[in-house]
Amino acid sequence: MKILPTGLYSYVKYPLPEDDIGVVEVSEEFLQQVTERKADLGEYLTYKYTLKQIEELRSKAKERLIRIEQEQEKRKKIAEYKAFLRKATEDEAQIKWGLIVPDIEEKRKKAAEMVNELRAYEGKPPKEKV
């Protein structure tokens, strides 16, 4: 099957209404018969999509793509935050045992911000005060 542009509607024996402009689908064999003038194009055209339907499909695809990108960004951010929080927890354990002595207040503040943002993604109220 081959999808043809709307220009072929001018050859249709029984034209479609003007607002139903779209694409049509015909077989390769039929195209050969038409070029040899053995068949009437208007008898075999099958209606496929209107321009309105094509635009609707495109907009749905764009919306879906945007949603997928946002979801991927959200997952990436959540993974990033969880990794930071895991590292912060490990650091606190090392600090407790006296293995390292970093600026803990800054890390606690950042961790609290991340916890609150993760809870916001999950639709929960903030847990920790920053």
N, C-alpha and C. Protein backbone atom coordinates (compact mmCIF):
# COMPACT_ATOMS: atom_id res chain seq x y z
N MET A 1 0.84 -1.19 0.00
CA MET A 1 0.00 0.00 0.00
C MET A 1 0.88 1.24 0.00
N LYS A 2 0.37 2.27 -0.64
CA LYS A 2 1.13 3.51 -0.74
C LYS A 2 0.24 4.66 -0.28
N ILE A 3 0.79 5.54 0.54
CA ILE A 3 0.02 6.70 1.00
C ILE A 3 0.31 7.85 0.04
N LEU A 4 -0.76 8.45 -0.45
CA LEU A 4 -0.63 9.50 -1.45
C LEU A 4 -1.05 10.85 -0.88
N PRO A 5 -0.51 11.94 -1.43
CA PRO A 5 -0.91 13.27 -0.95
C PRO A 5 -2.33 13.63 -1.39
N THR A 6 -2.85 14.70 -0.82
CA THR A 6 -4.24 15.08 -1.04
C THR A 6 -4.51 15.58 -2.45
N GLY A 7 -3.50 15.91 -3.22
CA GLY A 7 -3.71 16.40 -4.58
C GLY A 7 -4.52 15.43 -5.43
N LEU A 8 -4.49 14.16 -5.10
CA LEU A 8 -5.23 13.17 -5.89
C LEU A 8 -6.73 13.32 -5.78
N TYR A 9 -7.20 14.05 -4.76
CA TYR A 9 -8.64 14.20 -4.62
C TYR A 9 -9.25 14.91 -5.83
N SER A 10 -8.47 15.70 -6.55
CA SER A 10 -9.02 16.38 -7.72
C SER A 10 -9.39 15.38 -8.81
N TYR A 11 -8.85 14.17 -8.73
CA TYR A 11 -9.15 13.13 -9.72
C TYR A 11 -10.26 12.19 -9.26
N VAL A 12 -10.75 12.37 -8.05
CA VAL A 12 -11.73 11.45 -7.52
C VAL A 12 -13.06 11.64 -8.24
N LYS A 13 -13.67 10.52 -8.63
CA LYS A 13 -14.93 10.56 -9.36
C LYS A 13 -16.04 11.14 -8.48
N TYR A 14 -16.06 10.70 -7.21
CA TYR A 14 -17.04 11.19 -6.25
C TYR A 14 -16.26 11.91 -5.15
N PRO A 15 -16.03 13.22 -5.29
CA PRO A 15 -15.15 13.91 -4.34
C PRO A 15 -15.66 13.90 -2.91
N LEU A 16 -14.73 13.88 -1.99
CA LEU A 16 -15.06 13.97 -0.57
C LEU A 16 -15.38 15.42 -0.23
N PRO A 17 -16.10 15.68 0.87
CA PRO A 17 -16.37 17.07 1.28
C PRO A 17 -15.05 17.82 1.48
N GLU A 18 -15.08 19.14 1.29
CA GLU A 18 -13.85 19.94 1.34
C GLU A 18 -13.12 19.86 2.67
N ASP A 19 -13.85 19.74 3.78
CA ASP A 19 -13.18 19.71 5.08
C ASP A 19 -12.55 18.35 5.37
N ASP A 20 -12.79 17.37 4.52
CA ASP A 20 -12.21 16.04 4.71
C ASP A 20 -10.96 15.84 3.87
N ILE A 21 -10.10 16.84 3.83
CA ILE A 21 -8.85 16.70 3.08
C ILE A 21 -7.87 15.95 3.95
N GLY A 22 -7.19 14.97 3.40
CA GLY A 22 -6.25 14.19 4.19
C GLY A 22 -5.33 13.40 3.29
N VAL A 23 -5.09 12.17 3.62
CA VAL A 23 -4.27 11.30 2.78
C VAL A 23 -5.10 10.09 2.40
N VAL A 24 -4.71 9.45 1.30
CA VAL A 24 -5.43 8.27 0.83
C VAL A 24 -4.45 7.13 0.70
N GLU A 25 -4.98 5.92 0.64
CA GLU A 25 -4.13 4.74 0.55
C GLU A 25 -4.61 3.88 -0.62
N VAL A 26 -3.71 3.57 -1.54
CA VAL A 26 -4.05 2.70 -2.67
C VAL A 26 -2.95 1.68 -2.86
N SER A 27 -3.27 0.60 -3.56
CA SER A 27 -2.27 -0.45 -3.77
C SER A 27 -1.36 -0.09 -4.95
N GLU A 28 -0.18 -0.68 -4.97
CA GLU A 28 0.78 -0.45 -6.06
C GLU A 28 0.19 -0.93 -7.39
N GLU A 29 -0.52 -2.08 -7.36
CA GLU A 29 -1.11 -2.63 -8.59
C GLU A 29 -2.12 -1.64 -9.17
N PHE A 30 -2.92 -1.04 -8.29
CA PHE A 30 -3.92 -0.09 -8.75
C PHE A 30 -3.25 1.14 -9.37
N LEU A 31 -2.16 1.62 -8.76
CA LEU A 31 -1.44 2.77 -9.33
C LEU A 31 -0.96 2.45 -10.74
N GLN A 32 -0.50 1.22 -10.93
CA GLN A 32 -0.04 0.80 -12.25
C GLN A 32 -1.21 0.82 -13.24
N GLN A 33 -2.37 0.32 -12.82
CA GLN A 33 -3.55 0.31 -13.68
C GLN A 33 -3.99 1.73 -14.04
N VAL A 34 -3.91 2.64 -13.07
CA VAL A 34 -4.31 4.03 -13.33
C VAL A 34 -3.38 4.66 -14.35
N THR A 35 -2.08 4.42 -14.22
CA THR A 35 -1.14 5.00 -15.18
C THR A 35 -1.35 4.43 -16.57
N GLU A 36 -1.81 3.20 -16.66
CA GLU A 36 -2.09 2.59 -17.97
C GLU A 36 -3.52 2.89 -18.43
N ARG A 37 -4.25 3.71 -17.66
CA ARG A 37 -5.63 4.11 -17.96
C ARG A 37 -6.59 2.93 -18.04
N LYS A 38 -6.37 1.93 -17.19
CA LYS A 38 -7.25 0.76 -17.17
C LYS A 38 -8.21 0.80 -15.98
N ALA A 39 -8.03 1.77 -15.07
CA ALA A 39 -8.90 1.85 -13.89
C ALA A 39 -9.21 3.31 -13.59
N ASP A 40 -10.35 3.54 -12.95
CA ASP A 40 -10.76 4.89 -12.56
C ASP A 40 -10.30 5.13 -11.12
N LEU A 41 -9.50 6.15 -10.93
CA LEU A 41 -8.93 6.44 -9.61
C LEU A 41 -10.01 6.64 -8.56
N GLY A 42 -11.12 7.25 -8.93
CA GLY A 42 -12.19 7.55 -7.98
C GLY A 42 -12.85 6.32 -7.40
N GLU A 43 -12.78 5.20 -8.05
CA GLU A 43 -13.45 4.00 -7.57
C GLU A 43 -12.69 3.30 -6.44
N TYR A 44 -11.39 3.50 -6.39
CA TYR A 44 -10.58 2.67 -5.48
C TYR A 44 -9.93 3.41 -4.32
N LEU A 45 -10.03 4.73 -4.30
CA LEU A 45 -9.39 5.46 -3.21
C LEU A 45 -10.03 5.11 -1.88
N THR A 46 -9.21 4.84 -0.89
CA THR A 46 -9.74 4.57 0.45
C THR A 46 -9.32 5.72 1.36
N TYR A 47 -10.26 6.27 2.05
CA TYR A 47 -10.01 7.42 2.91
C TYR A 47 -9.20 6.98 4.12
N LYS A 48 -8.18 7.75 4.50
CA LYS A 48 -7.32 7.37 5.63
C LYS A 48 -7.47 8.33 6.81
N TYR A 49 -6.91 9.54 6.76
CA TYR A 49 -6.98 10.51 7.85
C TYR A 49 -7.29 11.90 7.32
N THR A 50 -8.02 12.68 8.10
CA THR A 50 -8.21 14.09 7.75
C THR A 50 -7.03 14.87 8.32
N LEU A 51 -6.87 16.10 7.84
CA LEU A 51 -5.79 16.94 8.37
C LEU A 51 -5.98 17.16 9.87
N LYS A 52 -7.24 17.32 10.29
CA LYS A 52 -7.54 17.52 11.70
C LYS A 52 -7.06 16.33 12.53
N GLN A 53 -7.32 15.11 12.02
CA GLN A 53 -6.90 13.90 12.73
C GLN A 53 -5.38 13.80 12.78
N ILE A 54 -4.72 14.17 11.68
CA ILE A 54 -3.26 14.12 11.63
C ILE A 54 -2.68 15.08 12.66
N GLU A 55 -3.22 16.31 12.72
CA GLU A 55 -2.75 17.29 13.71
C GLU A 55 -2.99 16.80 15.13
N GLU A 56 -4.14 16.16 15.34
CA GLU A 56 -4.46 15.62 16.66
C GLU A 56 -3.45 14.55 17.07
N LEU A 57 -3.13 13.65 16.12
CA LEU A 57 -2.15 12.60 16.40
C LEU A 57 -0.78 13.20 16.70
N ARG A 58 -0.39 14.21 15.92
CA ARG A 58 0.90 14.86 16.15
C ARG A 58 0.96 15.52 17.52
N SER A 59 -0.12 16.24 17.88
CA SER A 59 -0.11 16.93 19.18
C SER A 59 -0.09 15.92 20.33
N LYS A 60 -0.80 14.80 20.18
CA LYS A 60 -0.77 13.77 21.22
C LYS A 60 0.63 13.19 21.35
N ALA A 61 1.29 12.96 20.20
CA ALA A 61 2.65 12.42 20.24
C ALA A 61 3.61 13.41 20.91
N LYS A 62 3.46 14.71 20.60
CA LYS A 62 4.32 15.72 21.23
C LYS A 62 4.09 15.77 22.74
N GLU A 63 2.81 15.74 23.14
CA GLU A 63 2.49 15.76 24.57
C GLU A 63 3.10 14.56 25.28
N ARG A 64 2.99 13.40 24.64
CA ARG A 64 3.53 12.17 25.23
C ARG A 64 5.05 12.26 25.36
N LEU A 65 5.69 12.79 24.33
CA LEU A 65 7.15 12.95 24.36
C LEU A 65 7.56 13.89 25.49
N ILE A 66 6.83 14.99 25.66
CA ILE A 66 7.13 15.93 26.74
C ILE A 66 6.95 15.26 28.09
N ARG A 67 5.86 14.48 28.25
CA ARG A 67 5.63 13.77 29.52
C ARG A 67 6.75 12.78 29.80
N ILE A 68 7.18 12.06 28.77
CA ILE A 68 8.26 11.08 28.94
C ILE A 68 9.55 11.79 29.36
N GLU A 69 9.87 12.91 28.70
CA GLU A 69 11.08 13.66 29.05
C GLU A 69 11.01 14.18 30.49
N GLN A 70 9.84 14.69 30.88
CA GLN A 70 9.68 15.19 32.25
C GLN A 70 9.83 14.05 33.25
N GLU A 71 9.26 12.90 32.93
CA GLU A 71 9.35 11.74 33.82
C GLU A 71 10.80 11.29 33.96
N GLN A 72 11.54 11.28 32.84
CA GLN A 72 12.95 10.88 32.89
C GLN A 72 13.76 11.88 33.72
N GLU A 73 13.47 13.17 33.54
CA GLU A 73 14.16 14.20 34.31
C GLU A 73 13.87 14.04 35.80
N LYS A 74 12.62 13.75 36.11
CA LYS A 74 12.21 13.56 37.50
C LYS A 74 12.93 12.35 38.10
N ARG A 75 12.97 11.24 37.37
CA ARG A 75 13.67 10.03 37.86
C ARG A 75 15.15 10.30 38.07
N LYS A 76 15.74 11.04 37.12
CA LYS A 76 17.17 11.36 37.22
C LYS A 76 17.44 12.19 38.48
N LYS A 77 16.57 13.18 38.72
CA LYS A 77 16.73 14.06 39.89
C LYS A 77 16.56 13.26 41.18
N ILE A 78 15.55 12.39 41.22
CA ILE A 78 15.31 11.57 42.41
C ILE A 78 16.51 10.67 42.68
N ALA A 79 17.05 10.04 41.64
CA ALA A 79 18.22 9.16 41.81
C ALA A 79 19.41 9.97 42.32
N GLU A 80 19.57 11.18 41.78
CA GLU A 80 20.66 12.06 42.21
C GLU A 80 20.52 12.40 43.70
N TYR A 81 19.30 12.76 44.10
CA TYR A 81 19.05 13.12 45.49
C TYR A 81 19.27 11.93 46.42
N LYS A 82 18.78 10.77 46.01
CA LYS A 82 18.94 9.58 46.85
C LYS A 82 20.41 9.23 47.03
N ALA A 83 21.19 9.37 45.94
CA ALA A 83 22.62 9.09 46.03
C ALA A 83 23.29 10.07 47.00
N PHE A 84 22.91 11.35 46.91
CA PHE A 84 23.49 12.34 47.82
C PHE A 84 23.12 12.03 49.26
N LEU A 85 21.85 11.68 49.48
CA LEU A 85 21.39 11.39 50.85
C LEU A 85 22.09 10.15 51.40
N ARG A 86 22.31 9.15 50.54
CA ARG A 86 23.02 7.95 50.97
C ARG A 86 24.45 8.32 51.38
N LYS A 87 25.09 9.15 50.56
CA LYS A 87 26.46 9.59 50.84
C LYS A 87 26.50 10.40 52.14
N ALA A 88 25.49 11.28 52.32
CA ALA A 88 25.43 12.09 53.54
C ALA A 88 25.29 11.20 54.77
N THR A 89 24.50 10.14 54.65
CA THR A 89 24.33 9.20 55.77
C THR A 89 25.64 8.50 56.08
N GLU A 90 26.36 8.08 55.03
CA GLU A 90 27.67 7.44 55.23
C GLU A 90 28.65 8.41 55.89
N ASP A 91 28.63 9.66 55.43
CA ASP A 91 29.52 10.68 56.01
C ASP A 91 29.21 10.89 57.49
N GLU A 92 27.92 10.93 57.82
CA GLU A 92 27.55 11.12 59.23
C GLU A 92 28.07 9.97 60.09
N ALA A 93 28.02 8.75 59.55
CA ALA A 93 28.53 7.60 60.29
C ALA A 93 30.04 7.74 60.49
N GLN A 94 30.74 8.19 59.44
CA GLN A 94 32.19 8.36 59.56
C GLN A 94 32.53 9.49 60.54
N ILE A 95 31.71 10.54 60.53
CA ILE A 95 31.93 11.64 61.47
C ILE A 95 31.73 11.15 62.90
N LYS A 96 30.69 10.35 63.08
CA LYS A 96 30.38 9.82 64.40
C LYS A 96 31.57 9.03 64.96
N TRP A 97 32.23 8.29 64.10
CA TRP A 97 33.38 7.49 64.53
C TRP A 97 34.68 8.28 64.48
N GLY A 98 34.58 9.55 64.08
CA GLY A 98 35.77 10.40 64.09
C GLY A 98 36.70 10.17 62.92
N LEU A 99 36.21 9.56 61.84
CA LEU A 99 37.07 9.30 60.69
C LEU A 99 37.26 10.53 59.81
N ILE A 100 36.22 11.37 59.71
CA ILE A 100 36.35 12.62 58.94
C ILE A 100 35.69 13.76 59.72
N VAL A 101 36.11 15.00 59.40
CA VAL A 101 35.55 16.17 60.08
C VAL A 101 35.21 17.24 59.02
N PRO A 102 34.07 17.09 58.28
CA PRO A 102 33.69 18.08 57.27
C PRO A 102 32.75 19.14 57.85
N ASP A 103 32.32 20.06 57.00
CA ASP A 103 31.33 21.07 57.39
C ASP A 103 29.95 20.42 57.34
N ILE A 104 29.54 19.87 58.46
CA ILE A 104 28.32 19.07 58.53
C ILE A 104 27.05 19.90 58.41
N GLU A 105 27.07 21.14 58.88
CA GLU A 105 25.85 21.97 58.83
C GLU A 105 25.38 22.21 57.39
N GLU A 106 26.34 22.48 56.53
CA GLU A 106 26.00 22.72 55.11
C GLU A 106 25.38 21.47 54.49
N LYS A 107 25.97 20.31 54.80
CA LYS A 107 25.44 19.05 54.26
C LYS A 107 24.06 18.74 54.82
N ARG A 108 23.85 19.00 56.09
CA ARG A 108 22.54 18.74 56.70
C ARG A 108 21.47 19.62 56.06
N LYS A 109 21.83 20.88 55.80
CA LYS A 109 20.89 21.81 55.19
C LYS A 109 20.51 21.33 53.78
N LYS A 110 21.52 20.93 53.00
CA LYS A 110 21.27 20.45 51.64
C LYS A 110 20.45 19.16 51.67
N ALA A 111 20.76 18.27 52.60
CA ALA A 111 20.02 17.01 52.73
C ALA A 111 18.56 17.28 53.09
N ALA A 112 18.32 18.22 53.99
CA ALA A 112 16.95 18.56 54.37
C ALA A 112 16.18 19.11 53.17
N GLU A 113 16.84 19.96 52.36
CA GLU A 113 16.19 20.49 51.16
C GLU A 113 15.83 19.36 50.20
N MET A 114 16.74 18.41 50.03
CA MET A 114 16.50 17.30 49.11
C MET A 114 15.38 16.39 49.62
N VAL A 115 15.36 16.13 50.91
CA VAL A 115 14.30 15.30 51.49
C VAL A 115 12.95 15.96 51.24
N ASN A 116 12.88 17.27 51.47
CA ASN A 116 11.63 18.00 51.26
C ASN A 116 11.21 17.97 49.79
N GLU A 117 12.18 18.11 48.88
CA GLU A 117 11.86 18.07 47.45
C GLU A 117 11.40 16.68 47.02
N LEU A 118 12.04 15.64 47.55
CA LEU A 118 11.60 14.27 47.26
C LEU A 118 10.17 14.05 47.75
N ARG A 119 9.89 14.55 48.94
CA ARG A 119 8.52 14.41 49.48
C ARG A 119 7.52 15.19 48.63
N ALA A 120 7.95 16.33 48.09
CA ALA A 120 7.06 17.11 47.22
C ALA A 120 6.75 16.33 45.94
N TYR A 121 7.75 15.63 45.37
CA TYR A 121 7.53 14.79 44.19
C TYR A 121 6.51 13.70 44.49
N GLU A 122 6.56 13.18 45.70
CA GLU A 122 5.65 12.10 46.09
C GLU A 122 4.31 12.63 46.58
N GLY A 123 4.16 13.95 46.63
CA GLY A 123 2.91 14.56 47.06
C GLY A 123 2.71 14.57 48.56
N LYS A 124 3.80 14.54 49.31
CA LYS A 124 3.72 14.55 50.78
C LYS A 124 4.15 15.92 51.30
N PRO A 125 3.74 16.28 52.51
CA PRO A 125 4.16 17.57 53.07
C PRO A 125 5.64 17.53 53.46
N PRO A 126 6.29 18.70 53.56
CA PRO A 126 7.71 18.74 53.94
C PRO A 126 7.92 18.12 55.33
N LYS A 127 9.04 17.41 55.46
CA LYS A 127 9.32 16.71 56.71
C LYS A 127 10.28 17.51 57.59
N GLU A 128 11.33 18.02 56.96
CA GLU A 128 12.37 18.68 57.74
C GLU A 128 12.41 20.17 57.45
N LYS A 129 12.73 20.96 58.48
CA LYS A 129 12.88 22.40 58.29
C LYS A 129 14.30 22.69 57.83
N VAL A 130 14.40 23.59 56.88
CA VAL A 130 15.71 23.93 56.31
C VAL A 130 16.31 25.07 57.09
